[in-house]
Amino acid sequence: MSLTPRKIYSVYFSPTGSSRLAAHSVAYALKRELNADIEDIDLIPPAARSEQYRFDNADTVVIAMPVYAGRLPNKIAPDIARCFHGGGSTKLIALCTYGKRSAGDAERELLLIASQNGFVPIAARSIVCEHAFSAKIAHGRPNAADLAQLASFGADIAWRIASDTVSPLPFDADTTLAPYYTPLKENGTSAHFLKAKPVTDVSRCTRCGICASVCPMGSIAADEPDSTAGICIKCQACIKTCPARARRFLDGDFLSHVKMLENTLGD
């Protein structure tokens, strides 16, 4: 007879909320079915990614990450690889959320990191969610039906864990990961916006500091929230959470890329 997991962990890097919803749907289904304790680990604060997390073999970890250009976010993946450690046979469920274009190699990248860090991946899924760049793409997803499917997915995994029929998930661990997708403009040429940063309409900004609290790179100072001093990964967290709608991108290549996505993937 298998032992009930000592604890379920719901781990997520979720600038716009979709990965958090996905992780919660699966993890809380596991909690209910297995009557286990649960703990959330939110990886948005930079300080959270500077810690070391070590999990026992009796734990089950659900980790959800967004897909950026067909891979895990390149500024965040090294943090995951550095700070998450399983016990050698810690069960892991990998979830990747993507904005309808393509999940690319992100899921496999997450499975590789996990398997190299003492985890045994037992399930994985990529989930279509509203695109971070535009609400016109997969608007409102994950919706109620999506979340219900994820909960059912989690319940099925819980049954397999409880009945001791869970097994390692087979995946391609040998093929070189695909390169990051090259964003395109409306005319089909490459879009170059690596150094683009959101700008602030100072007439709207109330200096509430919310943008500073949600920036995963710590690039917005609480006492100077109308500027972005450090690295911007285009996650849109500051834009989505600004109650005054004071922040936006004006970079021409970025805006052209968003328009191209809306034209090809829009609802």
Protein backbone atom coordinates (compact mmCIF):
# COMPACT_ATOMS: atom_id res chain seq x y z
CA MET A 1 0.00 0.00 0.00
CA SER A 2 1.34 3.44 -0.91
CA LEU A 3 1.69 6.18 1.65
CA THR A 4 -0.40 9.33 1.34
CA PRO A 5 1.93 12.17 0.36
CA ARG A 6 3.16 14.08 3.38
CA LYS A 7 2.44 17.36 1.61
CA ILE A 8 1.30 18.81 -1.71
CA TYR A 9 3.16 21.87 -2.96
CA SER A 10 1.60 24.33 -5.42
CA VAL A 11 4.49 26.19 -7.03
CA TYR A 12 4.07 28.89 -9.66
CA PHE A 13 5.68 31.78 -11.46
CA SER A 14 2.60 33.66 -12.57
CA PRO A 15 2.93 37.34 -13.52
CA THR A 16 -0.61 37.57 -14.93
CA GLY A 17 -2.28 34.86 -12.83
CA SER A 18 -2.85 32.04 -15.31
CA SER A 19 -0.09 29.73 -14.05
CA ARG A 20 -1.28 30.24 -10.47
CA LEU A 21 -4.81 29.22 -11.45
CA ALA A 22 -3.51 26.13 -13.23
CA ALA A 23 -1.30 25.08 -10.32
CA HIS A 24 -4.11 25.59 -7.81
CA SER A 25 -6.62 23.60 -9.86
CA VAL A 26 -4.39 20.53 -9.95
CA ALA A 27 -2.80 20.85 -6.51
CA TYR A 28 -6.04 21.42 -4.63
CA ALA A 29 -7.62 18.44 -6.41
CA LEU A 30 -4.71 16.36 -5.11
CA LYS A 31 -5.21 17.80 -1.63
CA ARG A 32 -8.91 16.92 -1.62
CA GLU A 33 -8.49 13.41 -2.98
CA LEU A 34 -5.48 12.51 -0.84
CA ASN A 35 -6.49 14.43 2.29
CA ALA A 36 -3.02 15.95 2.37
CA ASP A 37 -1.64 19.24 3.62
CA ILE A 38 -0.84 21.85 0.99
CA GLU A 39 1.56 24.77 0.72
CA ASP A 40 1.82 27.52 -1.91
CA ILE A 41 5.15 28.79 -3.20
CA ASP A 42 4.82 32.02 -5.20
CA LEU A 43 7.94 32.66 -7.27
CA ILE A 44 7.13 36.21 -8.37
CA PRO A 45 9.09 38.02 -5.61
CA PRO A 46 12.80 37.96 -6.51
CA ALA A 47 13.57 37.05 -2.89
CA ALA A 48 11.51 33.88 -3.24
CA ARG A 49 13.78 32.70 -6.05
CA SER A 50 16.91 33.30 -3.99
CA GLU A 51 15.88 30.68 -1.42
CA GLN A 52 16.56 26.95 -1.54
CA TYR A 53 13.56 24.59 -1.58
CA ARG A 54 14.12 20.95 -0.69
CA PHE A 55 11.34 18.39 -0.94
CA ASP A 56 11.04 14.93 0.56
CA ASN A 57 10.29 11.81 -1.41
CA ALA A 58 6.85 11.67 0.23
CA ASP A 59 5.96 15.10 -1.21
CA THR A 60 4.17 15.80 -4.47
CA VAL A 61 5.07 19.05 -6.23
CA VAL A 62 2.86 20.77 -8.80
CA ILE A 63 4.80 23.45 -10.65
CA ALA A 64 3.28 25.81 -13.23
CA MET A 65 5.26 28.13 -15.49
CA PRO A 66 4.33 30.42 -18.38
CA VAL A 67 5.74 29.92 -21.87
CA TYR A 68 7.78 32.79 -23.29
CA ALA A 69 8.69 32.44 -26.98
CA GLY A 70 8.32 28.66 -26.88
CA ARG A 71 10.49 28.08 -23.82
CA LEU A 72 10.53 28.82 -20.11
CA PRO A 73 11.31 32.49 -19.35
CA ASN A 74 15.06 32.72 -19.88
CA LYS A 75 15.61 34.96 -16.85
CA ILE A 76 13.62 32.65 -14.57
CA ALA A 77 14.51 29.10 -15.68
CA PRO A 78 18.01 29.31 -14.13
CA ASP A 79 16.42 30.30 -10.81
CA ILE A 80 14.18 27.21 -10.92
CA ALA A 81 17.14 24.98 -11.70
CA ARG A 82 19.16 26.50 -8.87
CA CYS A 83 16.67 26.60 -6.04
CA PHE A 84 14.39 23.53 -6.39
CA HIS A 85 15.64 20.14 -5.21
CA GLY A 86 13.78 16.86 -4.89
CA GLY A 87 14.80 13.95 -2.74
CA GLY A 88 15.60 11.64 -5.64
CA SER A 89 12.10 10.28 -6.16
CA THR A 90 9.93 13.30 -5.31
CA LYS A 91 6.87 13.21 -7.56
CA LEU A 92 6.39 16.23 -9.80
CA ILE A 93 3.57 17.42 -12.06
CA ALA A 94 4.67 19.98 -14.66
CA LEU A 95 2.24 22.54 -16.09
CA CYS A 96 2.97 25.15 -18.76
CA THR A 97 0.58 27.94 -19.70
CA TYR A 98 0.78 29.55 -23.12
CA GLY A 99 -1.07 32.20 -25.08
CA LYS A 100 -2.42 30.04 -27.91
CA ARG A 101 0.53 30.45 -30.32
CA SER A 102 2.58 27.43 -29.22
CA ALA A 103 3.79 25.73 -26.06
CA GLY A 104 7.02 24.98 -27.90
CA ASP A 105 9.62 23.14 -25.86
CA ALA A 106 8.73 24.71 -22.50
CA GLU A 107 7.09 21.61 -21.05
CA ARG A 108 10.06 19.43 -21.95
CA GLU A 109 12.45 22.04 -20.57
CA LEU A 110 10.60 21.99 -17.25
CA LEU A 111 10.66 18.18 -17.19
CA LEU A 112 14.41 18.19 -17.87
CA ILE A 113 15.12 20.62 -15.03
CA ALA A 114 12.97 18.57 -12.67
CA SER A 115 14.50 15.22 -13.57
CA GLN A 116 18.00 16.63 -13.16
CA ASN A 117 17.13 18.04 -9.72
CA GLY A 118 15.92 14.95 -7.88
CA PHE A 119 12.30 14.86 -9.05
CA VAL A 120 10.43 12.12 -10.88
CA PRO A 121 7.95 13.71 -13.31
CA ILE A 122 4.70 11.74 -13.27
CA ALA A 123 2.46 13.97 -15.40
CA ALA A 124 2.57 17.11 -17.52
CA ARG A 125 0.20 19.32 -19.42
CA SER A 126 0.34 22.53 -21.46
CA ILE A 127 -2.70 24.78 -21.10
CA VAL A 128 -4.00 27.51 -23.42
CA CYS A 129 -4.49 30.75 -21.47
CA GLU A 130 -5.20 34.37 -22.30
CA HIS A 131 -2.12 35.82 -23.94
CA ALA A 132 -0.21 38.15 -21.65
CA PHE A 133 0.21 40.66 -24.49
CA SER A 134 -3.44 40.86 -25.53
CA ALA A 135 -6.85 40.01 -24.10
CA LYS A 136 -8.01 39.46 -27.68
CA ILE A 137 -6.16 36.13 -27.74
CA ALA A 138 -7.76 33.24 -25.79
CA HIS A 139 -9.74 35.82 -23.84
CA GLY A 140 -10.71 34.79 -20.32
CA ARG A 141 -8.87 31.50 -20.31
CA PRO A 142 -8.38 29.43 -18.32
CA ASN A 143 -12.16 29.51 -18.05
CA ALA A 144 -14.41 27.38 -15.87
CA ALA A 145 -14.28 24.45 -18.29
CA ASP A 146 -10.48 24.60 -18.45
CA LEU A 147 -10.18 24.64 -14.66
CA ALA A 148 -12.64 21.76 -14.32
CA GLN A 149 -10.52 19.70 -16.74
CA LEU A 150 -7.40 20.49 -14.72
CA ALA A 151 -9.13 19.48 -11.48
CA SER A 152 -10.17 16.20 -13.12
CA PHE A 153 -6.59 15.74 -14.30
CA GLY A 154 -5.39 16.23 -10.71
CA ALA A 155 -8.01 13.85 -9.32
CA ASP A 156 -6.91 11.14 -11.75
CA ILE A 157 -3.28 11.58 -10.68
CA ALA A 158 -4.34 11.40 -7.03
CA TRP A 159 -6.12 8.10 -7.69
CA ARG A 160 -2.97 6.70 -9.27
CA ILE A 161 -0.86 7.88 -6.35
CA ALA A 162 -3.26 6.40 -3.80
CA SER A 163 -3.50 3.08 -5.65
CA ASP A 164 0.26 2.88 -6.14
CA THR A 165 -0.09 2.75 -9.92
CA VAL A 166 1.76 5.99 -10.64
CA SER A 167 4.81 5.67 -12.88
CA PRO A 168 7.47 8.03 -14.28
CA LEU A 169 6.36 10.06 -17.27
CA PRO A 170 8.32 9.14 -20.42
CA PHE A 171 9.68 12.14 -22.32
CA ASP A 172 12.48 13.01 -24.70
CA ALA A 173 15.44 13.92 -22.52
CA ASP A 174 18.06 13.73 -25.27
CA THR A 175 17.07 16.06 -28.11
CA THR A 176 18.52 19.55 -27.86
CA LEU A 177 15.91 22.08 -26.79
CA ALA A 178 14.50 24.21 -29.59
CA PRO A 179 15.69 27.82 -29.78
CA TYR A 180 13.48 30.63 -28.58
CA TYR A 181 10.87 31.76 -31.08
CA THR A 182 11.78 34.90 -33.01
CA PRO A 183 8.88 37.38 -32.71
CA LEU A 184 7.59 38.86 -35.94
CA LYS A 185 6.04 42.17 -36.92
CA GLU A 186 2.89 42.56 -39.00
CA ASN A 187 4.94 42.55 -42.20
CA GLY A 188 6.60 39.23 -41.31
CA THR A 189 10.02 40.66 -40.48
CA SER A 190 11.73 40.15 -37.13
CA ALA A 191 10.54 42.29 -34.24
CA HIS A 192 13.29 43.60 -31.97
CA PHE A 193 12.04 44.73 -28.59
CA LEU A 194 14.42 43.07 -26.14
CA LYS A 195 15.23 46.39 -24.47
CA ALA A 196 11.70 47.79 -24.59
CA LYS A 197 10.17 48.80 -21.26
CA PRO A 198 6.72 50.05 -20.28
CA VAL A 199 6.26 53.77 -19.91
CA THR A 200 4.12 55.54 -17.35
CA ASP A 201 1.49 58.19 -17.91
CA VAL A 202 2.41 60.39 -14.96
CA SER A 203 -0.95 62.17 -15.15
CA ARG A 204 -2.62 58.88 -14.25
CA CYS A 205 -0.05 57.36 -11.88
CA THR A 206 -1.08 57.59 -8.23
CA ARG A 207 2.28 56.22 -7.00
CA CYS A 208 0.45 53.42 -5.18
CA GLY A 209 3.44 51.10 -5.63
CA ILE A 210 1.48 48.06 -6.79
CA CYS A 211 3.59 47.80 -9.93
CA ALA A 212 6.74 47.66 -7.82
CA SER A 213 5.32 44.87 -5.66
CA VAL A 214 4.48 42.63 -8.63
CA CYS A 215 7.55 43.12 -10.82
CA PRO A 216 9.34 39.73 -10.81
CA MET A 217 12.67 41.32 -11.66
CA GLY A 218 12.56 43.95 -8.90
CA SER A 219 13.02 46.57 -11.62
CA ILE A 220 10.48 49.08 -10.31
CA ALA A 221 11.30 51.00 -7.14
CA ALA A 222 8.44 51.51 -4.67
CA ASP A 223 9.46 55.12 -4.17
CA GLU A 224 9.79 55.74 -7.92
CA PRO A 225 7.07 53.62 -9.53
CA ASP A 226 6.79 55.77 -12.64
CA SER A 227 10.00 54.30 -14.11
CA THR A 228 11.42 50.86 -14.88
CA ALA A 229 15.09 51.00 -14.01
CA GLY A 230 16.14 47.38 -14.43
CA ILE A 231 15.49 44.39 -16.69
CA CYS A 232 12.02 44.00 -18.17
CA ILE A 233 10.92 40.52 -19.27
CA LYS A 234 7.68 41.83 -20.87
CA CYS A 235 5.60 39.78 -18.41
CA GLN A 236 2.90 42.51 -18.28
CA ALA A 237 2.42 42.17 -14.50
CA CYS A 238 2.79 45.90 -13.86
CA ILE A 239 0.41 46.76 -16.69
CA LYS A 240 -2.26 44.21 -15.76
CA THR A 241 -2.31 45.16 -12.07
CA CYS A 242 -2.13 48.96 -12.35
CA PRO A 243 -5.49 50.23 -11.02
CA ALA A 244 -5.04 53.55 -12.83
CA ARG A 245 -4.05 51.94 -16.16
CA ALA A 246 -1.04 54.21 -16.17
CA ARG A 247 1.53 51.85 -17.69
CA ARG A 248 1.85 50.62 -21.29
CA PHE A 249 4.31 49.78 -24.04
CA LEU A 250 4.93 52.29 -26.81
CA ASP A 251 7.81 50.47 -28.56
CA GLY A 252 6.94 50.18 -32.25
CA ASP A 253 8.31 46.68 -32.80
CA PHE A 254 6.54 45.37 -29.70
CA LEU A 255 3.22 46.87 -30.73
CA SER A 256 3.59 45.51 -34.26
CA HIS A 257 4.29 42.04 -32.86
CA VAL A 258 1.18 42.22 -30.68
CA LYS A 259 -0.87 43.26 -33.71
CA MET A 260 0.51 40.34 -35.70
CA LEU A 261 -0.47 37.94 -32.89
CA GLU A 262 -3.96 39.40 -32.72
CA ASN A 263 -4.36 39.13 -36.50
CA THR A 264 -3.30 35.48 -36.57
CA LEU A 265 -4.53 34.17 -33.20
CA GLY A 266 -7.25 36.58 -32.09
CA ASP A 267 -10.62 35.22 -31.04
